[in-house]
């Protein structure tokens, strides 16, 4: 094999390795979902889901909607205390800044599931799909805790 052929093969190999590395980076999840949970729902067709969202990227990430196969409708809500009165408002979308972590917790941000197709039982896994503004979908599952879970 000539030096020129070896050089061409080496360059081709380097290009292929670079493309493979870029492909692996492009497939890594943009948004990290952790510690998703909800409470059991005896006799109710609504539930609140709590979780942690982390944006490890250098770009803002926008969550535009959320779905769950166990509910007819899901959306991000925020509870605020205004003048001693607790008020809940819907979020149309949620922007998570680069490097930011957003915690959904009781008394604050949460996902409301409306029209549950079944009561949620302790230990059950509730599927969630977060839809991002770039068209990506992030799947997660919330574990059902007892009604008196903190």
C-alpha atoms as a PDB file:
ATOM      1  CA  UNK A   1       0.000   0.000   0.000  1.00  0.00           C
ATOM      2  CA  UNK A   2       1.420   3.385  -0.969  1.00  0.00           C
ATOM      3  CA  UNK A   3       1.926   6.261   1.454  1.00  0.00           C
ATOM      4  CA  UNK A   4      -0.764   8.230  -0.364  1.00  0.00           C
ATOM      5  CA  UNK A   5      -3.314   5.414   0.046  1.00  0.00           C
ATOM      6  CA  UNK A   6      -2.425   5.054   3.753  1.00  0.00           C
ATOM      7  CA  UNK A   7      -2.896   8.814   4.179  1.00  0.00           C
ATOM      8  CA  UNK A   8      -6.313   8.724   2.481  1.00  0.00           C
ATOM      9  CA  UNK A   9      -7.447   5.797   4.633  1.00  0.00           C
ATOM     10  CA  UNK A  10      -6.257   7.595   7.772  1.00  0.00           C
ATOM     11  CA  UNK A  11      -8.202  10.746   6.810  1.00  0.00           C
ATOM     12  CA  UNK A  12     -11.307   8.717   5.970  1.00  0.00           C
ATOM     13  CA  UNK A  13     -11.061   6.936   9.321  1.00  0.00           C
ATOM     14  CA  UNK A  14     -10.721  10.290  11.151  1.00  0.00           C
ATOM     15  CA  UNK A  15     -13.774  11.711   9.358  1.00  0.00           C
ATOM     16  CA  UNK A  16     -15.859   8.615  10.162  1.00  0.00           C
ATOM     17  CA  UNK A  17     -14.843   8.736  13.839  1.00  0.00           C
ATOM     18  CA  UNK A  18     -15.770  12.440  14.021  1.00  0.00           C
ATOM     19  CA  UNK A  19     -19.177  11.737  12.474  1.00  0.00           C
ATOM     20  CA  UNK A  20     -19.767   8.867  14.909  1.00  0.00           C
ATOM     21  CA  UNK A  21     -18.904  11.115  17.871  1.00  0.00           C
ATOM     22  CA  UNK A  22     -21.229  13.866  16.620  1.00  0.00           C
ATOM     23  CA  UNK A  23     -24.022  11.348  16.159  1.00  0.00           C
ATOM     24  CA  UNK A  24     -23.602  10.067  19.711  1.00  0.00           C
ATOM     25  CA  UNK A  25     -23.713  13.617  21.074  1.00  0.00           C
ATOM     26  CA  UNK A  26     -26.808  14.462  19.039  1.00  0.00           C
ATOM     27  CA  UNK A  27     -28.627  11.439  20.454  1.00  0.00           C
ATOM     28  CA  UNK A  28     -27.894  12.233  24.111  1.00  0.00           C
ATOM     29  CA  UNK A  29     -30.968  13.520  25.944  1.00  0.00           C
ATOM     30  CA  UNK A  30     -31.249  17.288  26.043  1.00  0.00           C
ATOM     31  CA  UNK A  31     -33.437  17.317  29.155  1.00  0.00           C
ATOM     32  CA  UNK A  32     -32.914  15.126  32.204  1.00  0.00           C
ATOM     33  CA  UNK A  33     -36.002  14.068  34.189  1.00  0.00           C
ATOM     34  CA  UNK A  34     -35.390  12.774  37.731  1.00  0.00           C
ATOM     35  CA  UNK A  35     -37.328  11.695  40.804  1.00  0.00           C
ATOM     36  CA  UNK A  36     -40.811  11.807  39.231  1.00  0.00           C
ATOM     37  CA  UNK A  37     -43.600  10.845  41.633  1.00  0.00           C
ATOM     38  CA  UNK A  38     -47.295  11.286  42.354  1.00  0.00           C
ATOM     39  CA  UNK A  39     -49.704  10.286  45.111  1.00  0.00           C
ATOM     40  CA  UNK A  40     -52.290   7.531  44.955  1.00  0.00           C
ATOM     41  CA  UNK A  41     -55.738   8.783  43.921  1.00  0.00           C
ATOM     42  CA  UNK A  42     -58.522   6.795  45.555  1.00  0.00           C
ATOM     43  CA  UNK A  43     -61.850   8.117  44.249  1.00  0.00           C
ATOM     44  CA  UNK A  44     -60.341  10.995  42.232  1.00  0.00           C
ATOM     45  CA  UNK A  45     -59.847  11.589  38.522  1.00  0.00           C
ATOM     46  CA  UNK A  46     -57.049  14.161  38.997  1.00  0.00           C
ATOM     47  CA  UNK A  47     -53.473  13.878  40.270  1.00  0.00           C
ATOM     48  CA  UNK A  48     -50.424  16.100  40.648  1.00  0.00           C
ATOM     49  CA  UNK A  49     -46.998  14.877  39.500  1.00  0.00           C
ATOM     50  CA  UNK A  50     -43.761  16.215  40.961  1.00  0.00           C
ATOM     51  CA  UNK A  51     -40.314  15.849  39.396  1.00  0.00           C
ATOM     52  CA  UNK A  52     -36.967  17.493  38.732  1.00  0.00           C
ATOM     53  CA  UNK A  53     -35.990  18.793  35.284  1.00  0.00           C
ATOM     54  CA  UNK A  54     -32.348  19.506  34.521  1.00  0.00           C
ATOM     55  CA  UNK A  55     -30.966  21.211  31.418  1.00  0.00           C
ATOM     56  CA  UNK A  56     -27.322  20.112  30.999  1.00  0.00           C
ATOM     57  CA  UNK A  57     -26.976  21.876  27.640  1.00  0.00           C
ATOM     58  CA  UNK A  58     -25.731  25.333  26.686  1.00  0.00           C
ATOM     59  CA  UNK A  59     -29.075  26.279  25.122  1.00  0.00           C
ATOM     60  CA  UNK A  60     -32.465  26.985  26.725  1.00  0.00           C
ATOM     61  CA  UNK A  61     -34.957  24.123  26.517  1.00  0.00           C
ATOM     62  CA  UNK A  62     -38.696  24.775  26.281  1.00  0.00           C
ATOM     63  CA  UNK A  63     -41.279  22.234  27.410  1.00  0.00           C
ATOM     64  CA  UNK A  64     -44.408  22.991  25.371  1.00  0.00           C
ATOM     65  CA  UNK A  65     -46.699  20.185  26.571  1.00  0.00           C
ATOM     66  CA  UNK A  66     -46.930  16.959  28.546  1.00  0.00           C
ATOM     67  CA  UNK A  67     -48.941  13.794  27.875  1.00  0.00           C
ATOM     68  CA  UNK A  68     -49.750  10.706  29.908  1.00  0.00           C
ATOM     69  CA  UNK A  69     -51.517   7.586  28.717  1.00  0.00           C
ATOM     70  CA  UNK A  70     -53.359   7.368  32.070  1.00  0.00           C
ATOM     71  CA  UNK A  71     -55.012  10.797  31.720  1.00  0.00           C
ATOM     72  CA  UNK A  72     -57.141  12.539  29.112  1.00  0.00           C
ATOM     73  CA  UNK A  73     -55.253  15.799  29.670  1.00  0.00           C
ATOM     74  CA  UNK A  74     -51.988  16.883  31.328  1.00  0.00           C
ATOM     75  CA  UNK A  75     -50.499  20.326  31.826  1.00  0.00           C
ATOM     76  CA  UNK A  76     -47.957  22.234  33.877  1.00  0.00           C
ATOM     77  CA  UNK A  77     -49.450  24.261  36.721  1.00  0.00           C
ATOM     78  CA  UNK A  78     -47.998  26.520  39.372  1.00  0.00           C
ATOM     79  CA  UNK A  79     -49.457  27.115  42.815  1.00  0.00           C
ATOM     80  CA  UNK A  80     -48.782  30.518  44.368  1.00  0.00           C
ATOM     81  CA  UNK A  81     -49.853  32.064  47.617  1.00  0.00           C
ATOM     82  CA  UNK A  82     -51.280  35.523  46.936  1.00  0.00           C
ATOM     83  CA  UNK A  83     -52.572  37.483  49.910  1.00  0.00           C
ATOM     84  CA  UNK A  84     -52.974  34.313  51.965  1.00  0.00           C
ATOM     85  CA  UNK A  85     -54.961  32.600  49.213  1.00  0.00           C
ATOM     86  CA  UNK A  86     -53.512  29.656  47.311  1.00  0.00           C
ATOM     87  CA  UNK A  87     -54.025  30.079  43.560  1.00  0.00           C
ATOM     88  CA  UNK A  88     -53.190  27.633  40.788  1.00  0.00           C
ATOM     89  CA  UNK A  89     -52.376  28.823  37.280  1.00  0.00           C
ATOM     90  CA  UNK A  90     -51.542  26.929  34.110  1.00  0.00           C
ATOM     91  CA  UNK A  91     -48.173  27.368  32.374  1.00  0.00           C
ATOM     92  CA  UNK A  92     -48.452  27.394  28.580  1.00  0.00           C
ATOM     93  CA  UNK A  93     -44.780  26.449  28.313  1.00  0.00           C
ATOM     94  CA  UNK A  94     -41.784  26.221  30.598  1.00  0.00           C
ATOM     95  CA  UNK A  95     -38.348  27.523  29.596  1.00  0.00           C
ATOM     96  CA  UNK A  96     -35.392  25.921  31.377  1.00  0.00           C
ATOM     97  CA  UNK A  97     -32.223  27.994  31.091  1.00  0.00           C
ATOM     98  CA  UNK A  98     -28.860  26.399  30.242  1.00  0.00           C
ATOM     99  CA  UNK A  99     -27.453  24.566  33.261  1.00  0.00           C
ATOM    100  CA  UNK A 100     -30.636  25.208  35.267  1.00  0.00           C
ATOM    101  CA  UNK A 101     -32.525  22.692  37.411  1.00  0.00           C
ATOM    102  CA  UNK A 102     -36.260  23.193  37.977  1.00  0.00           C
ATOM    103  CA  UNK A 103     -37.958  21.385  40.839  1.00  0.00           C
ATOM    104  CA  UNK A 104     -41.664  20.556  40.640  1.00  0.00           C
ATOM    105  CA  UNK A 105     -42.891  20.192  44.243  1.00  0.00           C
ATOM    106  CA  UNK A 106     -46.035  20.471  46.363  1.00  0.00           C
ATOM    107  CA  UNK A 107     -47.028  24.121  46.734  1.00  0.00           C
ATOM    108  CA  UNK A 108     -45.186  25.138  43.544  1.00  0.00           C
ATOM    109  CA  UNK A 109     -44.767  23.836  40.013  1.00  0.00           C
ATOM    110  CA  UNK A 110     -46.435  20.505  39.234  1.00  0.00           C
ATOM    111  CA  UNK A 111     -47.969  18.531  36.390  1.00  0.00           C
ATOM    112  CA  UNK A 112     -51.751  18.193  36.662  1.00  0.00           C
ATOM    113  CA  UNK A 113     -53.241  15.009  35.253  1.00  0.00           C
ATOM    114  CA  UNK A 114     -56.958  15.386  34.506  1.00  0.00           C
ATOM    115  CA  UNK A 115     -59.400  12.665  33.538  1.00  0.00           C
ATOM    116  CA  UNK A 116     -57.475   9.720  34.946  1.00  0.00           C
ATOM    117  CA  UNK A 117     -58.470   6.502  33.201  1.00  0.00           C
ATOM    118  CA  UNK A 118     -57.930   4.517  36.418  1.00  0.00           C
ATOM    119  CA  UNK A 119     -57.186   5.164  40.090  1.00  0.00           C
ATOM    120  CA  UNK A 120     -53.444   5.416  40.732  1.00  0.00           C
ATOM    121  CA  UNK A 121     -52.244   2.699  43.127  1.00  0.00           C
ATOM    122  CA  UNK A 122     -49.125   2.739  45.327  1.00  0.00           C
ATOM    123  CA  UNK A 123     -46.139   1.326  43.457  1.00  0.00           C
ATOM    124  CA  UNK A 124     -47.685   1.865  40.015  1.00  0.00           C
ATOM    125  CA  UNK A 125     -45.629   3.597  37.319  1.00  0.00           C
ATOM    126  CA  UNK A 126     -47.305   6.536  35.544  1.00  0.00           C
ATOM    127  CA  UNK A 127     -45.917   7.196  32.042  1.00  0.00           C
ATOM    128  CA  UNK A 128     -45.187  10.790  31.012  1.00  0.00           C
ATOM    129  CA  UNK A 129     -44.041  12.265  27.698  1.00  0.00           C
ATOM    130  CA  UNK A 130     -42.598  15.789  27.708  1.00  0.00           C
ATOM    131  CA  UNK A 131     -42.805  17.553  24.329  1.00  0.00           C
ATOM    132  CA  UNK A 132     -40.060  20.091  23.632  1.00  0.00           C
ATOM    133  CA  UNK A 133     -40.203  23.081  21.300  1.00  0.00           C
ATOM    134  CA  UNK A 134     -37.638  21.500  18.957  1.00  0.00           C
ATOM    135  CA  UNK A 135     -39.936  18.505  18.397  1.00  0.00           C
ATOM    136  CA  UNK A 136     -38.054  16.160  20.733  1.00  0.00           C
ATOM    137  CA  UNK A 137     -40.001  13.938  23.127  1.00  0.00           C
ATOM    138  CA  UNK A 138     -38.657  12.895  26.515  1.00  0.00           C
ATOM    139  CA  UNK A 139     -40.235   9.861  28.188  1.00  0.00           C
ATOM    140  CA  UNK A 140     -40.333   9.455  31.956  1.00  0.00           C
ATOM    141  CA  UNK A 141     -42.310   7.563  34.584  1.00  0.00           C
ATOM    142  CA  UNK A 142     -43.666   8.769  37.918  1.00  0.00           C
ATOM    143  CA  UNK A 143     -43.855   6.307  40.807  1.00  0.00           C
ATOM    144  CA  UNK A 144     -47.107   6.370  42.808  1.00  0.00           C
ATOM    145  CA  UNK A 145     -46.560   7.003  46.532  1.00  0.00           C
ATOM    146  CA  UNK A 146     -49.034   6.704  49.409  1.00  0.00           C
ATOM    147  CA  UNK A 147     -51.588   9.486  49.850  1.00  0.00           C
ATOM    148  CA  UNK A 148     -49.762  10.848  52.927  1.00  0.00           C
ATOM    149  CA  UNK A 149     -46.339  11.046  51.189  1.00  0.00           C
ATOM    150  CA  UNK A 150     -44.478  14.277  51.973  1.00  0.00           C
END
